[in-house]
Amino acid sequence: MMEMTHPHVLGFLSGALSTQEAAEKLQVPRSTLWRLQRRLNVRGPLALVHGLKGRRSNNAKPDALRRKVCELFARDYQPAGISVGTFYEYGVRGRLGPVCYTTVLRWLREAGLA
């Protein structure tokens, strides 16, 4: 989400930058800026707070899957000196559910395993 205090957002909202200029500088579609402006006009600054603020992502993986991945790595792969990449390829991908490599790596790092 774009910061409200970002100079290009402020420039767009104040009229100093055109929609096209702001979109190019922020590297977002013009429609994103139009939605931003419409939300501000209708509901004020609080309308820009992310809808999931303080809540878990809609795409979050279950905690049980996270525990299973970490336990499997710690029990069977880490002691054998197998890398996280190999673990993902042969131990996780397609076997434990739809989870991407970066998520597995983040879980293992947060658990102090990688």
PDB file of N, CA and C in Angstrom:
ATOM      1  N   MET A   1       0.848  -1.180   0.000  1.00  0.00           N
ATOM      2  CA  MET A   1       0.000   0.000   0.000  1.00  0.00           C
ATOM      3  C   MET A   1       0.889   1.236   0.000  1.00  0.00           C
ATOM      4  N   MET A   2       0.491   2.226  -0.757  1.00  0.00           N
ATOM      5  CA  MET A   2       1.265   3.452  -0.826  1.00  0.00           C
ATOM      6  C   MET A   2       1.122   4.241   0.476  1.00  0.00           C
ATOM      7  N   GLU A   3       2.205   4.833   0.899  1.00  0.00           N
ATOM      8  CA  GLU A   3       2.186   5.675   2.090  1.00  0.00           C
ATOM      9  C   GLU A   3       1.480   6.990   1.748  1.00  0.00           C
ATOM     10  N   MET A   4       0.618   7.438   2.636  1.00  0.00           N
ATOM     11  CA  MET A   4      -0.086   8.707   2.421  1.00  0.00           C
ATOM     12  C   MET A   4       0.873   9.888   2.428  1.00  0.00           C
ATOM     13  N   THR A   5       2.006   9.764   3.092  1.00  0.00           N
ATOM     14  CA  THR A   5       2.938  10.885   3.180  1.00  0.00           C
ATOM     15  C   THR A   5       3.968  10.851   2.056  1.00  0.00           C
ATOM     16  N   HIS A   6       3.873   9.877   1.177  1.00  0.00           N
ATOM     17  CA  HIS A   6       4.814   9.793   0.059  1.00  0.00           C
ATOM     18  C   HIS A   6       4.670  11.065  -0.774  1.00  0.00           C
ATOM     19  N   PRO A   7       5.784  11.687  -1.157  1.00  0.00           N
ATOM     20  CA  PRO A   7       5.705  12.963  -1.865  1.00  0.00           C
ATOM     21  C   PRO A   7       4.920  12.896  -3.176  1.00  0.00           C
ATOM     22  N   HIS A   8       5.000  11.784  -3.889  1.00  0.00           N
ATOM     23  CA  HIS A   8       4.261  11.684  -5.150  1.00  0.00           C
ATOM     24  C   HIS A   8       2.758  11.526  -4.901  1.00  0.00           C
ATOM     25  N   VAL A   9       2.384  10.842  -3.812  1.00  0.00           N
ATOM     26  CA  VAL A   9       0.965  10.726  -3.462  1.00  0.00           C
ATOM     27  C   VAL A   9       0.441  12.095  -3.067  1.00  0.00           C
ATOM     28  N   LEU A  10       1.203  12.788  -2.233  1.00  0.00           N
ATOM     29  CA  LEU A  10       0.783  14.131  -1.827  1.00  0.00           C
ATOM     30  C   LEU A  10       0.687  15.064  -3.035  1.00  0.00           C
ATOM     31  N   GLY A  11       1.652  14.936  -3.952  1.00  0.00           N
ATOM     32  CA  GLY A  11       1.614  15.761  -5.164  1.00  0.00           C
ATOM     33  C   GLY A  11       0.382  15.479  -6.003  1.00  0.00           C
ATOM     34  N   PHE A  12       0.012  14.207  -6.104  1.00  0.00           N
ATOM     35  CA  PHE A  12      -1.182  13.833  -6.858  1.00  0.00           C
ATOM     36  C   PHE A  12      -2.440  14.373  -6.175  1.00  0.00           C
ATOM     37  N   LEU A  13      -2.535  14.182  -4.861  1.00  0.00           N
ATOM     38  CA  LEU A  13      -3.735  14.606  -4.138  1.00  0.00           C
ATOM     39  C   LEU A  13      -3.887  16.120  -4.110  1.00  0.00           C
ATOM     40  N   SER A  14      -2.762  16.843  -4.125  1.00  0.00           N
ATOM     41  CA  SER A  14      -2.842  18.308  -4.109  1.00  0.00           C
ATOM     42  C   SER A  14      -3.046  18.892  -5.506  1.00  0.00           C
ATOM     43  N   GLY A  15      -2.889  18.057  -6.530  1.00  0.00           N
ATOM     44  CA  GLY A  15      -3.052  18.532  -7.896  1.00  0.00           C
ATOM     45  C   GLY A  15      -1.751  18.983  -8.539  1.00  0.00           C
ATOM     46  N   ALA A  16      -0.643  18.919  -7.815  1.00  0.00           N
ATOM     47  CA  ALA A  16       0.649  19.330  -8.361  1.00  0.00           C
ATOM     48  C   ALA A  16       1.144  18.348  -9.420  1.00  0.00           C
ATOM     49  N   LEU A  17       0.729  17.076  -9.315  1.00  0.00           N
ATOM     50  CA  LEU A  17       1.083  16.057 -10.312  1.00  0.00           C
ATOM     51  C   LEU A  17      -0.183  15.546 -10.975  1.00  0.00           C
ATOM     52  N   SER A  18      -0.093  15.345 -12.273  1.00  0.00           N
ATOM     53  CA  SER A  18      -1.234  14.752 -12.970  1.00  0.00           C
ATOM     54  C   SER A  18      -1.320  13.271 -12.602  1.00  0.00           C
ATOM     55  N   THR A  19      -2.450  12.669 -12.921  1.00  0.00           N
ATOM     56  CA  THR A  19      -2.619  11.243 -12.659  1.00  0.00           C
ATOM     57  C   THR A  19      -1.535  10.441 -13.369  1.00  0.00           C
ATOM     58  N   GLN A  20      -1.260  10.787 -14.615  1.00  0.00           N
ATOM     59  CA  GLN A  20      -0.255  10.071 -15.403  1.00  0.00           C
ATOM     60  C   GLN A  20       1.139  10.218 -14.781  1.00  0.00           C
ATOM     61  N   GLU A  21       1.500  11.441 -14.393  1.00  0.00           N
ATOM     62  CA  GLU A  21       2.816  11.675 -13.788  1.00  0.00           C
ATOM     63  C   GLU A  21       2.978  10.896 -12.481  1.00  0.00           C
ATOM     64  N   ALA A  22       1.963  10.967 -11.636  1.00  0.00           N
ATOM     65  CA  ALA A  22       2.028  10.266 -10.354  1.00  0.00           C
ATOM     66  C   ALA A  22       2.089   8.757 -10.568  1.00  0.00           C
ATOM     67  N   ALA A  23       1.312   8.237 -11.504  1.00  0.00           N
ATOM     68  CA  ALA A  23       1.306   6.804 -11.778  1.00  0.00           C
ATOM     69  C   ALA A  23       2.686   6.340 -12.241  1.00  0.00           C
ATOM     70  N   GLU A  24       3.312   7.128 -13.091  1.00  0.00           N
ATOM     71  CA  GLU A  24       4.647   6.771 -13.582  1.00  0.00           C
ATOM     72  C   GLU A  24       5.680   6.820 -12.457  1.00  0.00           C
ATOM     73  N   LYS A  25       5.622   7.852 -11.635  1.00  0.00           N
ATOM     74  CA  LYS A  25       6.600   7.992 -10.552  1.00  0.00           C
ATOM     75  C   LYS A  25       6.417   6.919  -9.479  1.00  0.00           C
ATOM     76  N   LEU A  26       5.167   6.540  -9.214  1.00  0.00           N
ATOM     77  CA  LEU A  26       4.884   5.527  -8.201  1.00  0.00           C
ATOM     78  C   LEU A  26       4.915   4.108  -8.764  1.00  0.00           C
ATOM     79  N   GLN A  27       4.961   4.011 -10.079  1.00  0.00           N
ATOM     80  CA  GLN A  27       4.958   2.725 -10.777  1.00  0.00           C
ATOM     81  C   GLN A  27       3.726   1.901 -10.415  1.00  0.00           C
ATOM     82  N   VAL A  28       2.574   2.560 -10.502  1.00  0.00           N
ATOM     83  CA  VAL A  28       1.284   1.894 -10.292  1.00  0.00           C
ATOM     84  C   VAL A  28       0.359   2.292 -11.440  1.00  0.00           C
ATOM     85  N   PRO A  29      -0.673   1.497 -11.699  1.00  0.00           N
ATOM     86  CA  PRO A  29      -1.632   1.885 -12.736  1.00  0.00           C
ATOM     87  C   PRO A  29      -2.399   3.148 -12.330  1.00  0.00           C
ATOM     88  N   ARG A  30      -2.834   3.900 -13.325  1.00  0.00           N
ATOM     89  CA  ARG A  30      -3.618   5.112 -13.037  1.00  0.00           C
ATOM     90  C   ARG A  30      -4.888   4.775 -12.278  1.00  0.00           C
ATOM     91  N   SER A  31      -5.466   3.601 -12.566  1.00  0.00           N
ATOM     92  CA  SER A  31      -6.706   3.207 -11.885  1.00  0.00           C
ATOM     93  C   SER A  31      -6.505   3.103 -10.370  1.00  0.00           C
ATOM     94  N   THR A  32      -5.295   2.744  -9.943  1.00  0.00           N
ATOM     95  CA  THR A  32      -5.005   2.677  -8.509  1.00  0.00           C
ATOM     96  C   THR A  32      -5.125   4.061  -7.888  1.00  0.00           C
ATOM     97  N   LEU A  33      -4.616   5.058  -8.581  1.00  0.00           N
ATOM     98  CA  LEU A  33      -4.712   6.434  -8.072  1.00  0.00           C
ATOM     99  C   LEU A  33      -6.147   6.934  -8.076  1.00  0.00           C
ATOM    100  N   TRP A  34      -6.903   6.576  -9.092  1.00  0.00           N
ATOM    101  CA  TRP A  34      -8.309   6.989  -9.130  1.00  0.00           C
ATOM    102  C   TRP A  34      -9.083   6.381  -7.967  1.00  0.00           C
ATOM    103  N   ARG A  35      -8.825   5.093  -7.672  1.00  0.00           N
ATOM    104  CA  ARG A  35      -9.494   4.443  -6.542  1.00  0.00           C
ATOM    105  C   ARG A  35      -9.082   5.103  -5.230  1.00  0.00           C
ATOM    106  N   LEU A  36      -7.796   5.424  -5.102  1.00  0.00           N
ATOM    107  CA  LEU A  36      -7.287   6.098  -3.914  1.00  0.00           C
ATOM    108  C   LEU A  36      -8.019   7.421  -3.699  1.00  0.00           C
ATOM    109  N   GLN A  37      -8.111   8.193  -4.752  1.00  0.00           N
ATOM    110  CA  GLN A  37      -8.762   9.500  -4.658  1.00  0.00           C
ATOM    111  C   GLN A  37     -10.255   9.359  -4.344  1.00  0.00           C
ATOM    112  N   ARG A  38     -10.914   8.391  -4.963  1.00  0.00           N
ATOM    113  CA  ARG A  38     -12.345   8.188  -4.732  1.00  0.00           C
ATOM    114  C   ARG A  38     -12.590   7.784  -3.271  1.00  0.00           C
ATOM    115  N   ARG A  39     -11.777   6.870  -2.754  1.00  0.00           N
ATOM    116  CA  ARG A  39     -11.940   6.446  -1.356  1.00  0.00           C
ATOM    117  C   ARG A  39     -11.740   7.623  -0.403  1.00  0.00           C
ATOM    118  N   LEU A  40     -10.740   8.449  -0.697  1.00  0.00           N
ATOM    119  CA  LEU A  40     -10.497   9.626   0.141  1.00  0.00           C
ATOM    120  C   LEU A  40     -11.694  10.569   0.128  1.00  0.00           C
ATOM    121  N   ASN A  41     -12.241  10.810  -1.054  1.00  0.00           N
ATOM    122  CA  ASN A  41     -13.369  11.738  -1.176  1.00  0.00           C
ATOM    123  C   ASN A  41     -14.617  11.220  -0.485  1.00  0.00           C
ATOM    124  N   VAL A  42     -14.841   9.918  -0.536  1.00  0.00           N
ATOM    125  CA  VAL A  42     -16.057   9.342   0.021  1.00  0.00           C
ATOM    126  C   VAL A  42     -15.958   9.142   1.531  1.00  0.00           C
ATOM    127  N   ARG A  43     -14.845   8.585   1.991  1.00  0.00           N
ATOM    128  CA  ARG A  43     -14.770   8.180   3.398  1.00  0.00           C
ATOM    129  C   ARG A  43     -13.683   8.880   4.200  1.00  0.00           C
ATOM    130  N   GLY A  44     -12.877   9.713   3.582  1.00  0.00           N
ATOM    131  CA  GLY A  44     -11.826  10.412   4.310  1.00  0.00           C
ATOM    132  C   GLY A  44     -10.568   9.564   4.484  1.00  0.00           C
ATOM    133  N   PRO A  45      -9.593  10.075   5.220  1.00  0.00           N
ATOM    134  CA  PRO A  45      -8.295   9.409   5.351  1.00  0.00           C
ATOM    135  C   PRO A  45      -8.347   7.991   5.910  1.00  0.00           C
ATOM    136  N   LEU A  46      -9.304   7.697   6.783  1.00  0.00           N
ATOM    137  CA  LEU A  46      -9.379   6.356   7.353  1.00  0.00           C
ATOM    138  C   LEU A  46      -9.725   5.300   6.304  1.00  0.00           C
ATOM    139  N   ALA A  47     -10.259   5.719   5.182  1.00  0.00           N
ATOM    140  CA  ALA A  47     -10.592   4.774   4.117  1.00  0.00           C
ATOM    141  C   ALA A  47      -9.335   4.173   3.499  1.00  0.00           C
ATOM    142  N   LEU A  48      -8.178   4.774   3.747  1.00  0.00           N
ATOM    143  CA  LEU A  48      -6.940   4.290   3.165  1.00  0.00           C
ATOM    144  C   LEU A  48      -6.242   3.233   4.019  1.00  0.00           C
ATOM    145  N   VAL A  49      -6.751   2.991   5.215  1.00  0.00           N
ATOM    146  CA  VAL A  49      -6.180   1.956   6.070  1.00  0.00           C
ATOM    147  C   VAL A  49      -6.503   0.610   5.437  1.00  0.00           C
ATOM    148  N   HIS A  50      -5.508  -0.252   5.363  1.00  0.00           N
ATOM    149  CA  HIS A  50      -5.689  -1.559   4.737  1.00  0.00           C
ATOM    150  C   HIS A  50      -6.792  -2.337   5.447  1.00  0.00           C
ATOM    151  N   GLY A  51      -7.634  -3.000   4.679  1.00  0.00           N
ATOM    152  CA  GLY A  51      -8.774  -3.720   5.223  1.00  0.00           C
ATOM    153  C   GLY A  51      -8.420  -4.861   6.157  1.00  0.00           C
ATOM    154  N   LEU A  52      -7.216  -5.398   6.040  1.00  0.00           N
ATOM    155  CA  LEU A  52      -6.807  -6.511   6.897  1.00  0.00           C
ATOM    156  C   LEU A  52      -5.932  -6.058   8.065  1.00  0.00           C
ATOM    157  N   LYS A  53      -5.829  -4.768   8.294  1.00  0.00           N
ATOM    158  CA  LYS A  53      -4.949  -4.283   9.355  1.00  0.00           C
ATOM    159  C   LYS A  53      -5.295  -4.956  10.676  1.00  0.00           C
ATOM    160  N   GLY A  54      -4.289  -5.587  11.253  1.00  0.00           N
ATOM    161  CA  GLY A  54      -4.475  -6.257  12.528  1.00  0.00           C
ATOM    162  C   GLY A  54      -5.039  -7.666  12.414  1.00  0.00           C
ATOM    163  N   ARG A  55      -5.323  -8.109  11.186  1.00  0.00           N
ATOM    164  CA  ARG A  55      -5.868  -9.460  10.992  1.00  0.00           C
ATOM    165  C   ARG A  55      -4.927 -10.271  10.128  1.00  0.00           C
ATOM    166  N   ARG A  56      -5.110 -11.550  10.151  1.00  0.00           N
ATOM    167  CA  ARG A  56      -4.310 -12.473   9.369  1.00  0.00           C
ATOM    168  C   ARG A  56      -4.689 -12.376   7.891  1.00  0.00           C
ATOM    169  N   SER A  57      -3.708 -12.554   7.016  1.00  0.00           N
ATOM    170  CA  SER A  57      -3.931 -12.496   5.575  1.00  0.00           C
ATOM    171  C   SER A  57      -4.928 -13.560   5.130  1.00  0.00           C
ATOM    172  N   ASN A  58      -5.691 -13.254   4.101  1.00  0.00           N
ATOM    173  CA  ASN A  58      -6.622 -14.225   3.534  1.00  0.00           C
ATOM    174  C   ASN A  58      -5.883 -15.409   2.921  1.00  0.00           C
ATOM    175  N   ASN A  59      -4.623 -15.205   2.538  1.00  0.00           N
ATOM    176  CA  ASN A  59      -3.837 -16.264   1.909  1.00  0.00           C
ATOM    177  C   ASN A  59      -2.886 -16.949   2.877  1.00  0.00           C
ATOM    178  N   ALA A  60      -3.016 -16.683   4.157  1.00  0.00           N
ATOM    179  CA  ALA A  60      -2.110 -17.275   5.145  1.00  0.00           C
ATOM    180  C   ALA A  60      -2.285 -18.791   5.181  1.00  0.00           C
ATOM    181  N   LYS A  61      -1.179 -19.466   5.357  1.00  0.00           N
ATOM    182  CA  LYS A  61      -1.190 -20.930   5.464  1.00  0.00           C
ATOM    183  C   LYS A  61      -1.520 -21.315   6.907  1.00  0.00           C
ATOM    184  N   PRO A  62      -2.132 -22.473   7.093  1.00  0.00           N
ATOM    185  CA  PRO A  62      -2.482 -22.898   8.458  1.00  0.00           C
ATOM    186  C   PRO A  62      -1.239 -23.087   9.328  1.00  0.00           C
ATOM    187  N   ASP A  63      -1.380 -22.787  10.615  1.00  0.00           N
ATOM    188  CA  ASP A  63      -0.273 -22.962  11.558  1.00  0.00           C
ATOM    189  C   ASP A  63       0.167 -24.418  11.616  1.00  0.00           C
ATOM    190  N   ALA A  64      -0.769 -25.339  11.441  1.00  0.00           N
ATOM    191  CA  ALA A  64      -0.427 -26.765  11.473  1.00  0.00           C
ATOM    192  C   ALA A  64       0.549 -27.115  10.347  1.00  0.00           C
ATOM    193  N   LEU A  65       0.365 -26.523   9.176  1.00  0.00           N
ATOM    194  CA  LEU A  65       1.271 -26.774   8.054  1.00  0.00           C
ATOM    195  C   LEU A  65       2.654 -26.217   8.372  1.00  0.00           C
ATOM    196  N   ARG A  66       2.696 -25.043   8.953  1.00  0.00           N
ATOM    197  CA  ARG A  66       3.971 -24.426   9.333  1.00  0.00           C
ATOM    198  C   ARG A  66       4.729 -25.326  10.321  1.00  0.00           C
ATOM    199  N   ARG A  67       4.016 -25.796  11.341  1.00  0.00           N
ATOM    200  CA  ARG A  67       4.653 -26.681  12.324  1.00  0.00           C
ATOM    201  C   ARG A  67       5.144 -27.965  11.675  1.00  0.00           C
ATOM    202  N   LYS A  68       4.346 -28.540  10.790  1.00  0.00           N
ATOM    203  CA  LYS A  68       4.713 -29.794  10.129  1.00  0.00           C
ATOM    204  C   LYS A  68       5.977 -29.619   9.288  1.00  0.00           C
ATOM    205  N   VAL A  69       6.060 -28.513   8.537  1.00  0.00           N
ATOM    206  CA  VAL A  69       7.230 -28.237   7.706  1.00  0.00           C
ATOM    207  C   VAL A  69       8.476 -28.086   8.581  1.00  0.00           C
ATOM    208  N   CYS A  70       8.371 -27.314   9.642  1.00  0.00           N
ATOM    209  CA  CYS A  70       9.527 -27.082  10.519  1.00  0.00           C
ATOM    210  C   CYS A  70       9.957 -28.367  11.218  1.00  0.00           C
ATOM    211  N   GLU A  71       8.986 -29.137  11.696  1.00  0.00           N
ATOM    212  CA  GLU A  71       9.320 -30.394  12.365  1.00  0.00           C
ATOM    213  C   GLU A  71       9.980 -31.373  11.399  1.00  0.00           C
ATOM    214  N   LEU A  72       9.459 -31.482  10.187  1.00  0.00           N
ATOM    215  CA  LEU A  72      10.024 -32.394   9.191  1.00  0.00           C
ATOM    216  C   LEU A  72      11.466 -32.012   8.861  1.00  0.00           C
ATOM    217  N   PHE A  73      11.708 -30.720   8.654  1.00  0.00           N
ATOM    218  CA  PHE A  73      13.064 -30.274   8.340  1.00  0.00           C
ATOM    219  C   PHE A  73      14.011 -30.560   9.511  1.00  0.00           C
ATOM    220  N   ALA A  74      13.588 -30.208  10.720  1.00  0.00           N
ATOM    221  CA  ALA A  74      14.440 -30.385  11.900  1.00  0.00           C
ATOM    222  C   ALA A  74      14.720 -31.859  12.184  1.00  0.00           C
ATOM    223  N   ARG A  75      13.743 -32.708  11.948  1.00  0.00           N
ATOM    224  CA  ARG A  75      13.888 -34.126  12.274  1.00  0.00           C
ATOM    225  C   ARG A  75      14.643 -34.911  11.208  1.00  0.00           C
ATOM    226  N   ASP A  76      14.298 -34.693   9.929  1.00  0.00           N
ATOM    227  CA  ASP A  76      14.803 -35.567   8.869  1.00  0.00           C
ATOM    228  C   ASP A  76      15.832 -34.942   7.928  1.00  0.00           C
ATOM    229  N   TYR A  77      15.813 -33.659   7.749  1.00  0.00           N
ATOM    230  CA  TYR A  77      16.655 -33.044   6.723  1.00  0.00           C
ATOM    231  C   TYR A  77      17.847 -32.286   7.279  1.00  0.00           C
ATOM    232  N   GLN A  78      17.633 -31.459   8.280  1.00  0.00           N
ATOM    233  CA  GLN A  78      18.731 -30.653   8.834  1.00  0.00           C
ATOM    234  C   GLN A  78      19.858 -31.524   9.397  1.00  0.00           C
ATOM    235  N   PRO A  79      19.553 -32.589  10.166  1.00  0.00           N
ATOM    236  CA  PRO A  79      20.651 -33.416  10.692  1.00  0.00           C
ATOM    237  C   PRO A  79      21.498 -34.070   9.600  1.00  0.00           C
ATOM    238  N   ALA A  80      20.901 -34.312   8.439  1.00  0.00           N
ATOM    239  CA  ALA A  80      21.631 -34.931   7.328  1.00  0.00           C
ATOM    240  C   ALA A  80      22.385 -33.903   6.497  1.00  0.00           C
ATOM    241  N   GLY A  81      22.280 -32.621   6.869  1.00  0.00           N
ATOM    242  CA  GLY A  81      22.985 -31.571   6.138  1.00  0.00           C
ATOM    243  C   GLY A  81      22.350 -31.227   4.804  1.00  0.00           C
ATOM    244  N   ILE A  82      21.077 -31.536   4.639  1.00  0.00           N
ATOM    245  CA  ILE A  82      20.369 -31.264   3.384  1.00  0.00           C
ATOM    246  C   ILE A  82      19.929 -29.805   3.361  1.00  0.00           C
ATOM    247  N   SER A  83      20.143 -29.146   2.229  1.00  0.00           N
ATOM    248  CA  SER A  83      19.827 -27.720   2.105  1.00  0.00           C
ATOM    249  C   SER A  83      18.318 -27.480   2.107  1.00  0.00           C
ATOM    250  N   VAL A  84      17.971 -26.237   2.380  1.00  0.00           N
ATOM    251  CA  VAL A  84      16.565 -25.841   2.375  1.00  0.00           C
ATOM    252  C   VAL A  84      15.972 -26.029   0.974  1.00  0.00           C
ATOM    253  N   GLY A  85      16.750 -25.703  -0.059  1.00  0.00           N
ATOM    254  CA  GLY A  85      16.267 -25.861  -1.439  1.00  0.00           C
ATOM    255  C   GLY A  85      15.950 -27.304  -1.771  1.00  0.00           C
ATOM    256  N   THR A  86      16.834 -28.206  -1.387  1.00  0.00           N
ATOM    257  CA  THR A  86      16.591 -29.629  -1.638  1.00  0.00           C
ATOM    258  C   THR A  86      15.416 -30.115  -0.802  1.00  0.00           C
ATOM    259  N   PHE A  87      15.348 -29.667   0.446  1.00  0.00           N
ATOM    260  CA  PHE A  87      14.213 -30.013   1.304  1.00  0.00           C
ATOM    261  C   PHE A  87      12.907 -29.584   0.654  1.00  0.00           C
ATOM    262  N   TYR A  88      12.886 -28.362   0.132  1.00  0.00           N
ATOM    263  CA  TYR A  88      11.661 -27.881  -0.506  1.00  0.00           C
ATOM    264  C   TYR A  88      11.304 -28.749  -1.711  1.00  0.00           C
ATOM    265  N   GLU A  89      12.292 -29.023  -2.560  1.00  0.00           N
ATOM    266  CA  GLU A  89      12.041 -29.803  -3.779  1.00  0.00           C
ATOM    267  C   GLU A  89      11.519 -31.199  -3.489  1.00  0.00           C
ATOM    268  N   TYR A  90      12.134 -31.881  -2.528  1.00  0.00           N
ATOM    269  CA  TYR A  90      11.815 -33.287  -2.301  1.00  0.00           C
ATOM    270  C   TYR A  90      10.963 -33.552  -1.070  1.00  0.00           C
ATOM    271  N   GLY A  91      10.931 -32.617  -0.144  1.00  0.00           N
ATOM    272  CA  GLY A  91      10.186 -32.859   1.083  1.00  0.00           C
ATOM    273  C   GLY A  91       8.891 -32.099   1.206  1.00  0.00           C
ATOM    274  N   VAL A  92       8.778 -30.974   0.514  1.00  0.00           N
ATOM    275  CA  VAL A  92       7.604 -30.123   0.709  1.00  0.00           C
ATOM    276  C   VAL A  92       6.757 -30.008  -0.553  1.00  0.00           C
ATOM    277  N   ARG A  93       7.381 -29.553  -1.639  1.00  0.00           N
ATOM    278  CA  ARG A  93       6.628 -29.212  -2.850  1.00  0.00           C
ATOM    279  C   ARG A  93       5.793 -30.398  -3.326  1.00  0.00           C
ATOM    280  N   GLY A  94       4.502 -30.195  -3.406  1.00  0.00           N
ATOM    281  CA  GLY A  94       3.603 -31.221  -3.890  1.00  0.00           C
ATOM    282  C   GLY A  94       3.235 -32.277  -2.868  1.00  0.00           C
ATOM    283  N   ARG A  95       3.890 -32.285  -1.718  1.00  0.00           N
ATOM    284  CA  ARG A  95       3.610 -33.303  -0.711  1.00  0.00           C
ATOM    285  C   ARG A  95       2.817 -32.767   0.469  1.00  0.00           C
ATOM    286  N   LEU A  96       3.147 -31.585   0.915  1.00  0.00           N
ATOM    287  CA  LEU A  96       2.536 -31.066   2.130  1.00  0.00           C
ATOM    288  C   LEU A  96       1.468 -30.013   1.881  1.00  0.00           C
ATOM    289  N   GLY A  97       1.232 -29.675   0.656  1.00  0.00           N
ATOM    290  CA  GLY A  97       0.218 -28.672   0.346  1.00  0.00           C
ATOM    291  C   GLY A  97       0.805 -27.539  -0.466  1.00  0.00           C
ATOM    292  N   PRO A  98      -0.050 -26.648  -0.912  1.00  0.00           N
ATOM    293  CA  PRO A  98       0.422 -25.536  -1.746  1.00  0.00           C
ATOM    294  C   PRO A  98       1.121 -24.469  -0.917  1.00  0.00           C
ATOM    295  N   VAL A  99       2.441 -24.501  -0.937  1.00  0.00           N
ATOM    296  CA  VAL A  99       3.228 -23.511  -0.223  1.00  0.00           C
ATOM    297  C   VAL A  99       4.479 -23.223  -1.046  1.00  0.00           C
ATOM    298  N   CYS A 100       4.848 -21.956  -1.148  1.00  0.00           N
ATOM    299  CA  CYS A 100       5.982 -21.591  -1.997  1.00  0.00           C
ATOM    300  C   CYS A 100       7.296 -21.650  -1.219  1.00  0.00           C
ATOM    301  N   TYR A 101       8.389 -21.680  -1.973  1.00  0.00           N
ATOM    302  CA  TYR A 101       9.728 -21.796  -1.391  1.00  0.00           C
ATOM    303  C   TYR A 101      10.024 -20.657  -0.423  1.00  0.00           C
ATOM    304  N   THR A 102       9.679 -19.423  -0.805  1.00  0.00           N
ATOM    305  CA  THR A 102      10.006 -18.284   0.060  1.00  0.00           C
ATOM    306  C   THR A 102       9.273 -18.368   1.400  1.00  0.00           C
ATOM    307  N   THR A 103       8.073 -18.916   1.390  1.00  0.00           N
ATOM    308  CA  THR A 103       7.337 -19.088   2.640  1.00  0.00           C
ATOM    309  C   THR A 103       8.022 -20.126   3.511  1.00  0.00           C
ATOM    310  N   VAL A 104       8.416 -21.248   2.913  1.00  0.00           N
ATOM    311  CA  VAL A 104       9.119 -22.297   3.659  1.00  0.00           C
ATOM    312  C   VAL A 104      10.419 -21.735   4.239  1.00  0.00           C
ATOM    313  N   LEU A 105      11.172 -21.014   3.443  1.00  0.00           N
ATOM    314  CA  LEU A 105      12.429 -20.427   3.908  1.00  0.00           C
ATOM    315  C   LEU A 105      12.180 -19.462   5.070  1.00  0.00           C
ATOM    316  N   ARG A 106      11.159 -18.619   4.948  1.00  0.00           N
ATOM    317  CA  ARG A 106      10.824 -17.670   6.026  1.00  0.00           C
ATOM    318  C   ARG A 106      10.445 -18.416   7.295  1.00  0.00           C
ATOM    319  N   TRP A 107       9.639 -19.474   7.182  1.00  0.00           N
ATOM    320  CA  TRP A 107       9.246 -20.258   8.351  1.00  0.00           C
ATOM    321  C   TRP A 107      10.462 -20.856   9.040  1.00  0.00           C
ATOM    322  N   LEU A 108      11.361 -21.427   8.235  1.00  0.00           N
ATOM    323  CA  LEU A 108      12.542 -22.070   8.806  1.00  0.00           C
ATOM    324  C   LEU A 108      13.472 -21.047   9.463  1.00  0.00           C
ATOM    325  N   ARG A 109      13.610 -19.880   8.862  1.00  0.00           N
ATOM    326  CA  ARG A 109      14.435 -18.823   9.459  1.00  0.00           C
ATOM    327  C   ARG A 109      13.842 -18.346  10.770  1.00  0.00           C
ATOM    328  N   GLU A 110      12.517 -18.142  10.779  1.00  0.00           N
ATOM    329  CA  GLU A 110      11.865 -17.672  12.002  1.00  0.00           C
ATOM    330  C   GLU A 110      11.968 -18.705  13.132  1.00  0.00           C
ATOM    331  N   ALA A 111      12.047 -19.990  12.758  1.00  0.00           N
ATOM    332  CA  ALA A 111      12.180 -21.063  13.751  1.00  0.00           C
ATOM    333  C   ALA A 111      13.641 -21.289  14.127  1.00  0.00           C
ATOM    334  N   GLY A 112      14.565 -20.544  13.509  1.00  0.00           N
ATOM    335  CA  GLY A 112      15.983 -20.692  13.788  1.00  0.00           C
ATOM    336  C   GLY A 112      16.591 -21.951  13.175  1.00  0.00           C
ATOM    337  N   LEU A 113      15.981 -22.461  12.130  1.00  0.00           N
ATOM    338  CA  LEU A 113      16.440 -23.691  11.496  1.00  0.00           C
ATOM    339  C   LEU A 113      17.243 -23.448  10.223  1.00  0.00           C
ATOM    340  N   ALA A 114      17.200 -22.260   9.704  1.00  0.00           N
ATOM    341  CA  ALA A 114      17.922 -21.973   8.445  1.00  0.00           C
ATOM    342  C   ALA A 114      18.681 -20.673   8.575  1.00  0.00           C
TER     343      ALA A 114
END
